[in-house]
């Protein structure tokens, strides 16, 4: 649209115009459109504006749309700015953003995305990124998916991602999947449901 094209070469002018719209919904849509382009053109200024000039409850939408569009175009650059998120972004919101960016990065360059995820500290942001990676690679490389899934720190999320990758793995190599589970660095209580999945698959 007009405001999107305008914001590619004059972010501040487009921003002032968008902010002057009387209709609240139209203003919100226009501001988000401007912000998506601004994030790519000048992320430092865009993030500073977001932290000082946008209500906290709107920040998440702006960040989500901005990082989503940016990571579609240039994921390697977008991820370098994720640690610059405003302080108002809580842990869960941050994890959602990491997961969204990881999804685009994995689609663009799975190897580079894997290397980036491996550098993240343990916690919700890394877990969300790993979940995204596992969903993406489990069908084509279930062994790698299983290995990644085992690194998720949240117990419930780890269980779900392990189950997902294992179900794909036993379709192509049940014996290898069984060996991986028995040798995995997991508690016996965590291995049992995985071994049950394998036993059920053997009976079919």
N, C-alpha and C. Protein backbone atom coordinates (compact mmCIF):
# COMPACT_ATOMS: atom_id res chain seq x y z
N UNK A 1 0.82 -1.19 0.00
CA UNK A 1 0.00 0.00 0.00
C UNK A 1 0.86 1.25 0.00
N UNK A 2 0.21 2.42 -0.02
CA UNK A 2 0.92 3.69 -0.09
C UNK A 2 1.82 3.90 1.11
N UNK A 3 1.27 3.66 2.31
CA UNK A 3 2.06 3.92 3.51
C UNK A 3 3.26 2.98 3.59
N UNK A 4 3.09 1.75 3.13
CA UNK A 4 4.21 0.80 3.15
C UNK A 4 5.32 1.25 2.21
N UNK A 5 4.95 1.69 0.99
CA UNK A 5 5.95 2.17 0.04
C UNK A 5 6.63 3.44 0.56
N UNK A 6 5.82 4.34 1.12
CA UNK A 6 6.33 5.60 1.66
C UNK A 6 7.37 5.34 2.75
N UNK A 7 7.05 4.40 3.62
CA UNK A 7 7.91 4.15 4.78
C UNK A 7 9.25 3.54 4.40
N UNK A 8 9.39 3.08 3.17
CA UNK A 8 10.66 2.49 2.76
C UNK A 8 11.74 3.55 2.56
N UNK A 9 11.32 4.82 2.31
CA UNK A 9 12.31 5.87 2.11
C UNK A 9 12.15 7.05 3.06
N UNK A 10 11.03 7.11 3.78
CA UNK A 10 10.80 8.20 4.74
C UNK A 10 10.02 7.67 5.93
N UNK A 11 10.72 6.97 6.80
CA UNK A 11 10.03 6.33 7.93
C UNK A 11 9.36 7.35 8.85
N UNK A 12 10.07 8.42 9.16
CA UNK A 12 9.52 9.39 10.11
C UNK A 12 8.30 10.11 9.54
N UNK A 13 8.37 10.47 8.27
CA UNK A 13 7.23 11.12 7.65
C UNK A 13 6.02 10.21 7.60
N UNK A 14 6.26 8.95 7.20
CA UNK A 14 5.17 7.98 7.15
C UNK A 14 4.62 7.71 8.55
N UNK A 15 5.51 7.71 9.53
CA UNK A 15 5.10 7.45 10.91
C UNK A 15 4.20 8.57 11.43
N UNK A 16 4.59 9.81 11.16
CA UNK A 16 3.78 10.95 11.60
C UNK A 16 2.41 10.92 10.94
N UNK A 17 2.38 10.60 9.65
CA UNK A 17 1.09 10.53 8.96
C UNK A 17 0.23 9.41 9.53
N UNK A 18 0.83 8.25 9.72
CA UNK A 18 0.07 7.11 10.25
C UNK A 18 -0.48 7.42 11.63
N UNK A 19 0.32 8.10 12.45
CA UNK A 19 -0.09 8.40 13.83
C UNK A 19 -1.17 9.46 13.88
N UNK A 20 -1.35 10.19 12.77
CA UNK A 20 -2.36 11.25 12.75
C UNK A 20 -3.75 10.75 12.35
N UNK A 21 -3.84 9.50 11.91
CA UNK A 21 -5.14 8.96 11.48
C UNK A 21 -6.10 8.90 12.66
N UNK A 22 -7.34 9.30 12.41
CA UNK A 22 -8.32 9.37 13.50
C UNK A 22 -8.90 8.00 13.85
N UNK A 23 -9.03 7.13 12.86
CA UNK A 23 -9.57 5.80 13.12
C UNK A 23 -8.51 4.94 13.81
N UNK A 24 -8.84 4.45 14.99
CA UNK A 24 -7.85 3.73 15.79
C UNK A 24 -7.34 2.47 15.09
N UNK A 25 -8.24 1.71 14.47
CA UNK A 25 -7.83 0.48 13.79
C UNK A 25 -6.94 0.78 12.58
N UNK A 26 -7.35 1.80 11.80
CA UNK A 26 -6.55 2.18 10.63
C UNK A 26 -5.19 2.70 11.07
N UNK A 27 -5.17 3.47 12.17
CA UNK A 27 -3.90 3.99 12.67
C UNK A 27 -2.98 2.85 13.10
N UNK A 28 -3.54 1.88 13.80
CA UNK A 28 -2.74 0.74 14.25
C UNK A 28 -2.16 -0.05 13.09
N UNK A 29 -2.98 -0.29 12.06
CA UNK A 29 -2.50 -1.04 10.89
C UNK A 29 -1.41 -0.28 10.15
N UNK A 30 -1.62 1.05 10.01
CA UNK A 30 -0.65 1.87 9.30
C UNK A 30 0.68 1.94 10.06
N UNK A 31 0.60 2.09 11.38
CA UNK A 31 1.81 2.15 12.19
C UNK A 31 2.60 0.85 12.11
N UNK A 32 1.89 -0.27 12.14
CA UNK A 32 2.56 -1.56 12.04
C UNK A 32 3.23 -1.75 10.69
N UNK A 33 2.56 -1.25 9.63
CA UNK A 33 3.14 -1.35 8.29
C UNK A 33 4.43 -0.54 8.20
N UNK A 34 4.39 0.67 8.77
CA UNK A 34 5.59 1.51 8.77
C UNK A 34 6.70 0.84 9.58
N UNK A 35 6.32 0.31 10.71
CA UNK A 35 7.32 -0.26 11.61
C UNK A 35 8.02 -1.47 11.00
N UNK A 36 7.29 -2.28 10.24
CA UNK A 36 7.91 -3.44 9.60
C UNK A 36 9.06 -3.03 8.69
N UNK A 37 8.84 -1.94 7.93
CA UNK A 37 9.90 -1.47 7.04
C UNK A 37 11.02 -0.78 7.82
N UNK A 38 10.63 -0.06 8.86
CA UNK A 38 11.61 0.66 9.66
C UNK A 38 12.57 -0.31 10.35
N UNK A 39 12.05 -1.43 10.80
CA UNK A 39 12.89 -2.43 11.47
C UNK A 39 14.04 -2.87 10.57
N UNK A 40 13.77 -2.99 9.29
CA UNK A 40 14.80 -3.44 8.36
C UNK A 40 15.75 -2.31 7.98
N UNK A 41 15.21 -1.09 7.89
CA UNK A 41 16.02 0.05 7.46
C UNK A 41 16.92 0.58 8.57
N UNK A 42 16.38 0.64 9.79
CA UNK A 42 17.14 1.21 10.91
C UNK A 42 16.66 0.58 12.21
N UNK A 43 17.07 -0.66 12.49
CA UNK A 43 16.55 -1.37 13.66
C UNK A 43 16.83 -0.67 14.98
N UNK A 44 17.98 -0.01 15.08
CA UNK A 44 18.32 0.68 16.33
C UNK A 44 17.30 1.77 16.64
N UNK A 45 17.00 2.60 15.64
CA UNK A 45 16.03 3.68 15.82
C UNK A 45 14.63 3.12 16.02
N UNK A 46 14.30 2.06 15.29
CA UNK A 46 12.96 1.48 15.39
C UNK A 46 12.72 0.90 16.78
N UNK A 47 13.71 0.21 17.33
CA UNK A 47 13.55 -0.36 18.66
C UNK A 47 13.51 0.72 19.73
N UNK A 48 14.29 1.78 19.54
CA UNK A 48 14.27 2.89 20.50
C UNK A 48 12.91 3.57 20.49
N UNK A 49 12.35 3.76 19.29
CA UNK A 49 11.01 4.35 19.18
C UNK A 49 9.98 3.48 19.87
N UNK A 50 10.08 2.21 19.64
CA UNK A 50 9.11 1.28 20.22
C UNK A 50 9.13 1.34 21.75
N UNK A 51 10.33 1.43 22.31
CA UNK A 51 10.47 1.40 23.76
C UNK A 51 9.98 2.69 24.41
N UNK A 52 10.09 3.81 23.69
CA UNK A 52 9.77 5.10 24.29
C UNK A 52 8.43 5.68 23.86
N UNK A 53 7.89 5.22 22.74
CA UNK A 53 6.72 5.90 22.17
C UNK A 53 5.51 5.02 21.93
N UNK A 54 5.59 3.73 22.24
CA UNK A 54 4.48 2.82 21.97
C UNK A 54 4.03 2.17 23.27
N UNK A 55 2.70 2.13 23.47
CA UNK A 55 2.16 1.48 24.66
C UNK A 55 2.64 0.03 24.74
N UNK A 56 2.89 -0.42 25.97
CA UNK A 56 3.44 -1.76 26.15
C UNK A 56 2.57 -2.85 25.53
N UNK A 57 1.24 -2.68 25.63
CA UNK A 57 0.36 -3.74 25.12
C UNK A 57 0.36 -3.79 23.60
N UNK A 58 0.86 -2.73 22.94
CA UNK A 58 0.96 -2.74 21.48
C UNK A 58 2.34 -3.17 21.01
N UNK A 59 3.30 -3.12 21.91
CA UNK A 59 4.68 -3.41 21.51
C UNK A 59 4.82 -4.82 20.93
N UNK A 60 4.16 -5.78 21.56
CA UNK A 60 4.31 -7.16 21.11
C UNK A 60 3.86 -7.33 19.67
N UNK A 61 2.73 -6.70 19.30
CA UNK A 61 2.25 -6.81 17.91
C UNK A 61 3.25 -6.17 16.95
N UNK A 62 3.77 -5.01 17.33
CA UNK A 62 4.75 -4.34 16.48
C UNK A 62 6.00 -5.20 16.31
N UNK A 63 6.49 -5.72 17.42
CA UNK A 63 7.70 -6.54 17.36
C UNK A 63 7.47 -7.81 16.56
N UNK A 64 6.33 -8.45 16.81
CA UNK A 64 6.03 -9.71 16.11
C UNK A 64 6.01 -9.48 14.61
N UNK A 65 5.26 -8.48 14.17
CA UNK A 65 5.16 -8.22 12.73
C UNK A 65 6.50 -7.74 12.16
N UNK A 66 7.18 -6.88 12.92
CA UNK A 66 8.45 -6.34 12.43
C UNK A 66 9.50 -7.42 12.26
N UNK A 67 9.68 -8.24 13.29
CA UNK A 67 10.69 -9.30 13.22
C UNK A 67 10.28 -10.40 12.24
N UNK A 68 8.98 -10.66 12.15
CA UNK A 68 8.53 -11.71 11.22
C UNK A 68 8.87 -11.32 9.79
N UNK A 69 8.54 -10.09 9.41
CA UNK A 69 8.81 -9.64 8.05
C UNK A 69 10.32 -9.55 7.80
N UNK A 70 11.03 -9.02 8.77
CA UNK A 70 12.47 -8.87 8.63
C UNK A 70 13.16 -10.22 8.49
N UNK A 71 12.74 -11.19 9.31
CA UNK A 71 13.39 -12.50 9.26
C UNK A 71 13.02 -13.28 8.01
N UNK A 72 11.94 -12.90 7.34
CA UNK A 72 11.63 -13.50 6.04
C UNK A 72 12.61 -12.99 4.99
N UNK A 73 12.99 -11.72 5.11
CA UNK A 73 13.86 -11.11 4.12
C UNK A 73 15.34 -11.38 4.41
N UNK A 74 15.72 -11.26 5.69
CA UNK A 74 17.13 -11.38 6.06
C UNK A 74 17.24 -11.94 7.47
N UNK A 75 16.99 -13.25 7.63
CA UNK A 75 16.97 -13.83 8.98
C UNK A 75 18.30 -13.72 9.72
N UNK A 76 19.41 -13.84 9.00
CA UNK A 76 20.71 -13.78 9.66
C UNK A 76 20.93 -12.42 10.32
N UNK A 77 20.44 -11.37 9.70
CA UNK A 77 20.55 -10.03 10.28
C UNK A 77 19.53 -9.84 11.40
N UNK A 78 18.33 -10.34 11.21
CA UNK A 78 17.27 -10.16 12.21
C UNK A 78 17.66 -10.78 13.55
N UNK A 79 18.27 -11.96 13.53
CA UNK A 79 18.58 -12.63 14.80
C UNK A 79 19.62 -11.86 15.61
N UNK A 80 20.44 -11.06 14.94
CA UNK A 80 21.47 -10.32 15.68
C UNK A 80 20.87 -9.22 16.54
N UNK A 81 19.60 -8.89 16.28
CA UNK A 81 18.95 -7.81 17.03
C UNK A 81 17.98 -8.32 18.09
N UNK A 82 17.80 -9.62 18.16
CA UNK A 82 16.83 -10.14 19.12
C UNK A 82 17.21 -9.86 20.57
N UNK A 83 18.51 -9.74 20.84
CA UNK A 83 18.91 -9.46 22.23
C UNK A 83 18.79 -7.98 22.58
N UNK A 84 18.27 -7.19 21.63
CA UNK A 84 18.05 -5.76 21.88
C UNK A 84 16.57 -5.45 22.16
N UNK A 85 15.80 -6.47 22.48
CA UNK A 85 14.37 -6.27 22.72
C UNK A 85 14.16 -5.34 23.92
N UNK A 86 13.10 -4.52 23.88
CA UNK A 86 12.80 -3.64 25.01
C UNK A 86 12.63 -4.42 26.31
N UNK A 87 12.96 -3.77 27.43
CA UNK A 87 12.87 -4.44 28.73
C UNK A 87 11.44 -4.84 29.08
N UNK A 88 10.48 -4.15 28.47
CA UNK A 88 9.07 -4.44 28.76
C UNK A 88 8.61 -5.79 28.20
N UNK A 89 9.39 -6.36 27.28
CA UNK A 89 9.03 -7.65 26.69
C UNK A 89 9.34 -8.75 27.70
N UNK A 90 8.28 -9.47 28.13
CA UNK A 90 8.51 -10.49 29.15
C UNK A 90 9.07 -11.77 28.53
N UNK A 91 9.35 -12.73 29.39
CA UNK A 91 10.03 -13.96 28.96
C UNK A 91 9.23 -14.74 27.92
N UNK A 92 7.91 -14.86 28.15
CA UNK A 92 7.07 -15.61 27.22
C UNK A 92 6.96 -14.91 25.87
N UNK A 93 6.80 -13.58 25.90
CA UNK A 93 6.72 -12.82 24.65
C UNK A 93 8.04 -12.94 23.88
N UNK A 94 9.15 -12.86 24.61
CA UNK A 94 10.45 -13.00 23.97
C UNK A 94 10.63 -14.37 23.34
N UNK A 95 10.16 -15.40 24.05
CA UNK A 95 10.26 -16.76 23.52
C UNK A 95 9.45 -16.91 22.24
N UNK A 96 8.26 -16.30 22.20
CA UNK A 96 7.43 -16.35 21.00
C UNK A 96 8.14 -15.69 19.82
N UNK A 97 8.79 -14.56 20.08
CA UNK A 97 9.51 -13.86 19.02
C UNK A 97 10.67 -14.71 18.50
N UNK A 98 11.41 -15.31 19.40
CA UNK A 98 12.53 -16.17 18.99
C UNK A 98 12.02 -17.33 18.14
N UNK A 99 10.91 -17.93 18.56
CA UNK A 99 10.35 -19.04 17.80
C UNK A 99 9.92 -18.63 16.40
N UNK A 100 9.31 -17.43 16.30
CA UNK A 100 8.85 -16.93 15.01
C UNK A 100 10.02 -16.66 14.07
N UNK A 101 11.05 -16.02 14.59
CA UNK A 101 12.23 -15.73 13.78
C UNK A 101 12.95 -17.03 13.39
N UNK A 102 13.04 -17.95 14.34
CA UNK A 102 13.69 -19.24 14.06
C UNK A 102 12.98 -19.97 12.93
N UNK A 103 11.66 -19.89 12.90
CA UNK A 103 10.89 -20.58 11.86
C UNK A 103 11.32 -20.09 10.47
N UNK A 104 11.43 -18.78 10.31
CA UNK A 104 11.84 -18.24 9.02
C UNK A 104 13.30 -18.54 8.71
N UNK A 105 14.12 -18.50 9.74
CA UNK A 105 15.55 -18.77 9.55
C UNK A 105 15.77 -20.22 9.11
N UNK A 106 15.08 -21.15 9.75
CA UNK A 106 15.21 -22.57 9.40
C UNK A 106 14.78 -22.81 7.96
N UNK A 107 13.71 -22.16 7.54
CA UNK A 107 13.24 -22.32 6.16
C UNK A 107 14.25 -21.73 5.17
N UNK A 108 14.92 -20.68 5.58
CA UNK A 108 15.86 -19.98 4.70
C UNK A 108 17.21 -20.71 4.62
N UNK A 109 17.72 -21.14 5.79
CA UNK A 109 19.04 -21.77 5.85
C UNK A 109 19.11 -22.63 7.12
N UNK A 110 18.69 -23.89 7.02
CA UNK A 110 18.62 -24.76 8.21
C UNK A 110 19.96 -24.89 8.95
N UNK A 111 21.05 -24.99 8.21
CA UNK A 111 22.36 -25.16 8.85
C UNK A 111 22.74 -23.92 9.65
N UNK A 112 22.59 -22.75 9.05
CA UNK A 112 22.93 -21.51 9.75
C UNK A 112 22.00 -21.30 10.95
N UNK A 113 20.73 -21.66 10.77
CA UNK A 113 19.78 -21.52 11.87
C UNK A 113 20.17 -22.43 13.03
N UNK A 114 20.58 -23.65 12.71
CA UNK A 114 21.01 -24.59 13.75
C UNK A 114 22.21 -24.06 14.52
N UNK A 115 23.15 -23.48 13.78
CA UNK A 115 24.34 -22.92 14.43
C UNK A 115 23.97 -21.77 15.35
N UNK A 116 23.03 -20.93 14.91
CA UNK A 116 22.58 -19.82 15.76
C UNK A 116 21.90 -20.34 17.02
N UNK A 117 21.00 -21.29 16.86
CA UNK A 117 20.27 -21.83 18.01
C UNK A 117 21.23 -22.46 19.01
N UNK A 118 22.29 -23.08 18.52
CA UNK A 118 23.25 -23.73 19.42
C UNK A 118 23.98 -22.73 20.30
N UNK A 119 23.98 -21.45 19.91
CA UNK A 119 24.67 -20.42 20.70
C UNK A 119 23.78 -19.83 21.78
N UNK A 120 22.48 -20.12 21.75
CA UNK A 120 21.55 -19.51 22.70
C UNK A 120 21.69 -20.15 24.08
N UNK A 121 21.53 -19.33 25.10
CA UNK A 121 21.55 -19.84 26.47
C UNK A 121 20.30 -20.65 26.75
N UNK A 122 20.41 -21.62 27.66
CA UNK A 122 19.26 -22.42 28.03
C UNK A 122 18.15 -21.54 28.59
N UNK A 123 16.92 -21.89 28.25
CA UNK A 123 15.79 -21.12 28.73
C UNK A 123 14.67 -21.09 27.70
N UNK A 124 13.59 -20.35 27.97
CA UNK A 124 12.42 -20.33 27.08
C UNK A 124 12.72 -19.91 25.65
N UNK A 125 13.61 -18.94 25.45
CA UNK A 125 13.90 -18.47 24.09
C UNK A 125 14.57 -19.57 23.27
N UNK A 126 15.52 -20.26 23.88
CA UNK A 126 16.18 -21.36 23.18
C UNK A 126 15.21 -22.51 22.96
N UNK A 127 14.42 -22.83 23.98
CA UNK A 127 13.45 -23.92 23.86
C UNK A 127 12.49 -23.67 22.70
N UNK A 128 11.99 -22.44 22.61
CA UNK A 128 11.05 -22.10 21.54
C UNK A 128 11.71 -22.25 20.17
N UNK A 129 12.96 -21.84 20.08
CA UNK A 129 13.70 -21.95 18.81
C UNK A 129 13.96 -23.41 18.46
N UNK A 130 14.32 -24.22 19.46
CA UNK A 130 14.57 -25.64 19.22
C UNK A 130 13.29 -26.35 18.79
N UNK A 131 12.18 -26.03 19.43
CA UNK A 131 10.89 -26.63 19.05
C UNK A 131 10.61 -26.37 17.57
N UNK A 132 10.85 -25.14 17.15
CA UNK A 132 10.63 -24.77 15.75
C UNK A 132 11.54 -25.58 14.83
N UNK A 133 12.80 -25.71 15.22
CA UNK A 133 13.76 -26.47 14.41
C UNK A 133 13.35 -27.94 14.31
N UNK A 134 12.95 -28.53 15.42
CA UNK A 134 12.56 -29.95 15.43
C UNK A 134 11.36 -30.19 14.53
N UNK A 135 10.37 -29.30 14.61
CA UNK A 135 9.18 -29.45 13.75
C UNK A 135 9.58 -29.40 12.28
N UNK A 136 10.58 -28.60 11.97
CA UNK A 136 10.99 -28.41 10.58
C UNK A 136 11.79 -29.58 10.03
N UNK A 137 12.65 -30.18 10.87
CA UNK A 137 13.58 -31.19 10.35
C UNK A 137 13.20 -32.63 10.66
N UNK A 138 12.23 -32.85 11.53
CA UNK A 138 11.94 -34.22 11.99
C UNK A 138 11.56 -35.17 10.86
N UNK A 139 10.84 -34.67 9.87
CA UNK A 139 10.42 -35.55 8.77
C UNK A 139 11.58 -35.92 7.85
N UNK A 140 12.52 -35.01 7.67
CA UNK A 140 13.63 -35.26 6.76
C UNK A 140 14.88 -35.79 7.47
N UNK A 141 15.02 -35.44 8.75
CA UNK A 141 16.19 -35.89 9.52
C UNK A 141 15.76 -36.12 10.97
N UNK A 142 14.97 -37.19 11.18
CA UNK A 142 14.43 -37.43 12.52
C UNK A 142 15.50 -37.67 13.58
N UNK A 143 16.64 -38.23 13.18
CA UNK A 143 17.71 -38.44 14.16
C UNK A 143 18.20 -37.11 14.72
N UNK A 144 18.45 -36.16 13.83
CA UNK A 144 18.86 -34.83 14.27
C UNK A 144 17.76 -34.18 15.10
N UNK A 145 16.51 -34.38 14.66
CA UNK A 145 15.39 -33.83 15.41
C UNK A 145 15.35 -34.36 16.83
N UNK A 146 15.59 -35.65 16.99
CA UNK A 146 15.59 -36.28 18.32
C UNK A 146 16.72 -35.73 19.18
N UNK A 147 17.88 -35.59 18.59
CA UNK A 147 19.03 -35.06 19.34
C UNK A 147 18.75 -33.64 19.82
N UNK A 148 18.21 -32.81 18.92
CA UNK A 148 17.87 -31.45 19.30
C UNK A 148 16.78 -31.44 20.37
N UNK A 149 15.78 -32.28 20.20
CA UNK A 149 14.67 -32.31 21.16
C UNK A 149 15.15 -32.62 22.57
N UNK A 150 16.15 -33.46 22.67
CA UNK A 150 16.66 -33.84 23.99
C UNK A 150 17.35 -32.69 24.71
N UNK A 151 17.62 -31.59 24.00
CA UNK A 151 18.30 -30.45 24.62
C UNK A 151 17.33 -29.41 25.17
N UNK A 152 16.03 -29.60 24.94
CA UNK A 152 15.04 -28.65 25.46
C UNK A 152 15.05 -28.72 26.98
N UNK A 153 15.10 -27.57 27.63
CA UNK A 153 15.24 -27.55 29.09
C UNK A 153 13.91 -27.71 29.82
N UNK A 154 12.82 -27.21 29.23
CA UNK A 154 11.51 -27.36 29.86
C UNK A 154 11.03 -28.80 29.72
N UNK A 155 10.70 -29.45 30.83
CA UNK A 155 10.39 -30.88 30.81
C UNK A 155 9.20 -31.22 29.91
N UNK A 156 8.13 -30.44 30.03
CA UNK A 156 6.93 -30.72 29.24
C UNK A 156 7.20 -30.53 27.75
N UNK A 157 7.89 -29.45 27.40
CA UNK A 157 8.19 -29.19 26.00
C UNK A 157 9.18 -30.22 25.46
N UNK A 158 10.11 -30.64 26.30
CA UNK A 158 11.06 -31.67 25.87
C UNK A 158 10.33 -32.97 25.54
N UNK A 159 9.39 -33.33 26.40
CA UNK A 159 8.61 -34.55 26.17
C UNK A 159 7.88 -34.48 24.83
N UNK A 160 7.24 -33.35 24.56
CA UNK A 160 6.47 -33.21 23.32
C UNK A 160 7.36 -33.26 22.09
N UNK A 161 8.50 -32.57 22.14
CA UNK A 161 9.38 -32.55 20.97
C UNK A 161 10.07 -33.90 20.76
N UNK A 162 10.41 -34.57 21.85
CA UNK A 162 10.98 -35.92 21.73
C UNK A 162 9.97 -36.88 21.11
N UNK A 163 8.73 -36.80 21.56
CA UNK A 163 7.68 -37.66 21.00
C UNK A 163 7.51 -37.40 19.50
N UNK A 164 7.49 -36.13 19.14
CA UNK A 164 7.28 -35.76 17.74
C UNK A 164 8.39 -36.31 16.85
N UNK A 165 9.63 -36.10 17.26
CA UNK A 165 10.75 -36.57 16.44
C UNK A 165 10.83 -38.09 16.42
N UNK A 166 10.53 -38.71 17.56
CA UNK A 166 10.60 -40.18 17.63
C UNK A 166 9.57 -40.83 16.72
N UNK A 167 8.36 -40.30 16.70
CA UNK A 167 7.30 -40.87 15.85
C UNK A 167 7.68 -40.82 14.37
N UNK A 168 8.41 -39.79 13.99
CA UNK A 168 8.88 -39.71 12.61
C UNK A 168 10.02 -40.69 12.37
N UNK A 169 10.89 -40.83 13.36
CA UNK A 169 12.07 -41.69 13.21
C UNK A 169 11.68 -43.15 13.07
N UNK A 170 10.72 -43.61 13.88
CA UNK A 170 10.37 -45.04 13.82
C UNK A 170 9.70 -45.42 12.50
N UNK A 171 9.25 -44.41 11.75
CA UNK A 171 8.68 -44.70 10.43
C UNK A 171 9.76 -45.16 9.45
N UNK A 172 10.98 -44.68 9.67
CA UNK A 172 12.06 -44.98 8.72
C UNK A 172 13.11 -45.94 9.27
N UNK A 173 13.31 -45.94 10.60
CA UNK A 173 14.32 -46.83 11.18
C UNK A 173 14.01 -47.07 12.65
N UNK A 174 13.14 -48.03 12.90
CA UNK A 174 12.69 -48.29 14.26
C UNK A 174 13.84 -48.72 15.16
N UNK A 175 14.72 -49.57 14.65
CA UNK A 175 15.83 -50.07 15.47
C UNK A 175 16.79 -48.96 15.89
N UNK A 176 17.09 -48.08 14.97
CA UNK A 176 17.98 -46.96 15.30
C UNK A 176 17.33 -46.04 16.33
N UNK A 177 16.02 -45.86 16.19
CA UNK A 177 15.28 -45.03 17.15
C UNK A 177 15.33 -45.66 18.54
N UNK A 178 15.16 -46.98 18.58
CA UNK A 178 15.21 -47.70 19.86
C UNK A 178 16.58 -47.54 20.51
N UNK A 179 17.63 -47.72 19.73
CA UNK A 179 18.98 -47.59 20.26
C UNK A 179 19.22 -46.18 20.81
N UNK A 180 18.71 -45.19 20.09
CA UNK A 180 18.91 -43.80 20.51
C UNK A 180 18.23 -43.52 21.84
N UNK A 181 17.03 -44.05 22.01
CA UNK A 181 16.30 -43.84 23.26
C UNK A 181 17.02 -44.51 24.43
N UNK A 182 17.44 -45.74 24.22
CA UNK A 182 18.09 -46.48 25.31
C UNK A 182 19.42 -45.84 25.71
N UNK A 183 20.09 -45.21 24.74
CA UNK A 183 21.39 -44.60 25.01
C UNK A 183 21.30 -43.12 25.38
N UNK A 184 20.11 -42.55 25.26
CA UNK A 184 19.95 -41.12 25.50
C UNK A 184 20.22 -40.76 26.96
N UNK A 185 20.72 -39.57 27.16
CA UNK A 185 21.01 -39.08 28.51
C UNK A 185 19.72 -38.52 29.13
N UNK A 186 18.79 -39.43 29.39
CA UNK A 186 17.48 -39.08 29.95
C UNK A 186 17.20 -39.97 31.15
N UNK A 187 16.39 -39.45 32.07
CA UNK A 187 15.99 -40.25 33.22
C UNK A 187 15.14 -41.43 32.75
N UNK A 188 15.16 -42.52 33.53
CA UNK A 188 14.39 -43.71 33.17
C UNK A 188 12.91 -43.40 33.02
N UNK A 189 12.40 -42.52 33.88
CA UNK A 189 10.98 -42.15 33.82
C UNK A 189 10.65 -41.41 32.53
N UNK A 190 11.64 -40.73 31.99
CA UNK A 190 11.43 -39.99 30.74
C UNK A 190 11.59 -40.91 29.53
N UNK A 191 12.40 -41.95 29.67
CA UNK A 191 12.58 -42.89 28.57
C UNK A 191 11.37 -43.81 28.39
N UNK A 192 10.71 -44.13 29.49
CA UNK A 192 9.65 -45.14 29.43
C UNK A 192 8.56 -44.82 28.41
N UNK A 193 7.96 -43.62 28.41
CA UNK A 193 6.92 -43.35 27.41
C UNK A 193 7.45 -43.40 25.98
N UNK A 194 8.73 -43.08 25.81
CA UNK A 194 9.34 -43.15 24.48
C UNK A 194 9.47 -44.61 24.04
N UNK A 195 9.90 -45.45 24.96
CA UNK A 195 10.01 -46.88 24.65
C UNK A 195 8.64 -47.49 24.41
N UNK A 196 7.63 -46.97 25.11
CA UNK A 196 6.25 -47.45 24.88
C UNK A 196 5.80 -47.13 23.46
N UNK A 197 6.17 -45.96 22.97
CA UNK A 197 5.82 -45.58 21.59
C UNK A 197 6.44 -46.57 20.61
N UNK A 198 7.69 -46.94 20.87
CA UNK A 198 8.38 -47.89 20.00
C UNK A 198 7.74 -49.27 20.07
N UNK A 199 7.40 -49.72 21.27
CA UNK A 199 6.76 -51.03 21.43
C UNK A 199 5.42 -51.08 20.72
N UNK A 200 4.66 -50.01 20.84
CA UNK A 200 3.36 -49.94 20.15
C UNK A 200 3.54 -50.00 18.64
N UNK A 201 4.61 -49.36 18.15
CA UNK A 201 4.87 -49.37 16.71
C UNK A 201 5.26 -50.77 16.24
N UNK A 202 5.96 -51.52 17.08
CA UNK A 202 6.36 -52.88 16.72
C UNK A 202 5.14 -53.79 16.57
N UNK A 203 4.12 -53.53 17.37
CA UNK A 203 2.94 -54.39 17.38
C UNK A 203 2.03 -54.15 16.19
N UNK A 204 2.24 -53.04 15.50
CA UNK A 204 1.36 -52.72 14.36
C UNK A 204 1.82 -53.45 13.10
